[in-house]
Protein backbone atom coordinates (compact mmCIF):
# COMPACT_ATOMS: atom_id res chain seq x y z
CA MET A 1 29.98 20.47 7.99
CA GLY A 2 27.43 18.90 10.31
CA ILE A 3 26.72 15.21 10.75
CA VAL A 4 23.53 15.36 8.69
CA ALA A 5 25.31 17.03 5.79
CA ARG A 6 28.05 14.37 5.90
CA LEU A 7 25.48 11.57 5.92
CA VAL A 8 23.64 13.09 2.96
CA THR A 9 26.91 13.54 1.07
CA ARG A 10 27.93 9.92 1.73
CA PHE A 11 24.48 8.66 0.71
CA MET A 12 24.51 10.65 -2.52
CA SER A 13 28.02 9.42 -3.29
CA LEU A 14 26.86 5.85 -2.78
CA THR A 15 23.84 6.29 -5.04
CA ASP A 16 26.06 7.86 -7.73
CA ARG A 17 28.35 4.82 -7.63
CA LEU A 18 25.38 2.45 -7.78
CA ARG A 19 23.95 4.35 -10.74
CA PHE A 20 27.30 4.05 -12.49
CA LEU A 21 27.36 0.31 -11.78
CA PHE A 22 23.72 -0.52 -12.64
CA GLY A 23 22.87 2.32 -15.00
CA PRO A 24 20.10 4.88 -14.68
CA ALA A 25 16.67 3.90 -13.41
CA THR A 26 14.33 2.83 -16.17
CA ARG A 27 11.06 4.63 -16.33
CA GLY A 28 8.05 3.57 -18.32
CA ASP A 29 5.58 5.82 -20.07
CA VAL A 30 4.17 7.99 -17.30
CA ALA A 31 1.19 8.93 -19.45
CA ALA A 32 0.12 5.29 -19.92
CA PRO A 33 -2.78 4.16 -17.73
CA VAL A 34 -2.07 1.72 -14.92
CA ILE A 35 -3.57 -1.69 -15.66
CA HIS A 36 -4.70 -3.52 -12.56
CA THR A 37 -5.64 -7.17 -12.90
CA HIS A 38 -7.17 -9.30 -10.18
CA ASP A 39 -5.27 -12.45 -9.34
CA ASP A 40 -6.59 -15.47 -7.44
CA PHE A 41 -5.26 -14.22 -4.10
CA GLU A 42 -6.99 -10.87 -4.49
CA ALA A 43 -10.26 -12.53 -5.47
CA ALA A 44 -10.06 -14.76 -2.38
CA SER A 45 -9.32 -11.73 -0.17
CA GLU A 46 -12.33 -9.85 -1.55
CA GLU A 47 -14.50 -12.91 -0.93
CA ASP A 48 -13.30 -13.08 2.69
CA LEU A 49 -13.82 -9.35 3.24
CA SER A 50 -17.33 -9.48 1.81
CA GLN A 51 -18.34 -11.43 4.93
CA PHE A 52 -17.74 -8.33 7.12
CA GLU A 53 -19.65 -5.12 7.72
CA VAL A 54 -17.94 -1.96 8.99
CA GLU A 55 -19.56 -0.54 12.12
CA SER A 56 -18.92 2.71 14.01
CA ASP A 57 -19.46 3.32 17.70
CA SER A 58 -20.67 6.53 19.35
CA GLU A 59 -17.09 7.84 19.62
CA GLY A 60 -16.42 7.37 15.90
CA HIS A 61 -14.24 4.26 16.17
CA HIS A 62 -14.60 1.84 13.26
CA TYR A 63 -14.51 -1.93 13.53
CA ALA A 64 -15.53 -4.96 11.50
CA VAL A 65 -18.36 -7.32 12.40
CA ARG A 66 -19.16 -10.55 10.63
CA LYS A 67 -22.46 -10.23 8.79
CA GLU A 68 -23.68 -13.46 10.38
CA ASP A 69 -23.21 -11.90 13.85
CA LEU A 70 -25.34 -8.83 13.06
CA PRO A 71 -28.96 -8.72 14.21
CA LYS A 72 -31.24 -10.12 11.50
CA GLU A 73 -33.04 -6.82 10.84
CA ARG A 74 -29.71 -5.11 9.95
CA ALA A 75 -28.18 -7.85 7.79
């Protein structure tokens, strides 16, 4: 038996013992839709990110530029 096979066997043995100790993993209803709510931190992040515009150079690299730093005709 190779080293990888021994490591996998030891890992699986460990997870079996942990499952015995803690019980099986609980799973919710997989058919239920995921509900995503915005918290205050996420709202603040979106507000901060709204101050940037994504630009691309001639080689296809993307970078962010503050909207206030853009030329007036592009803003």
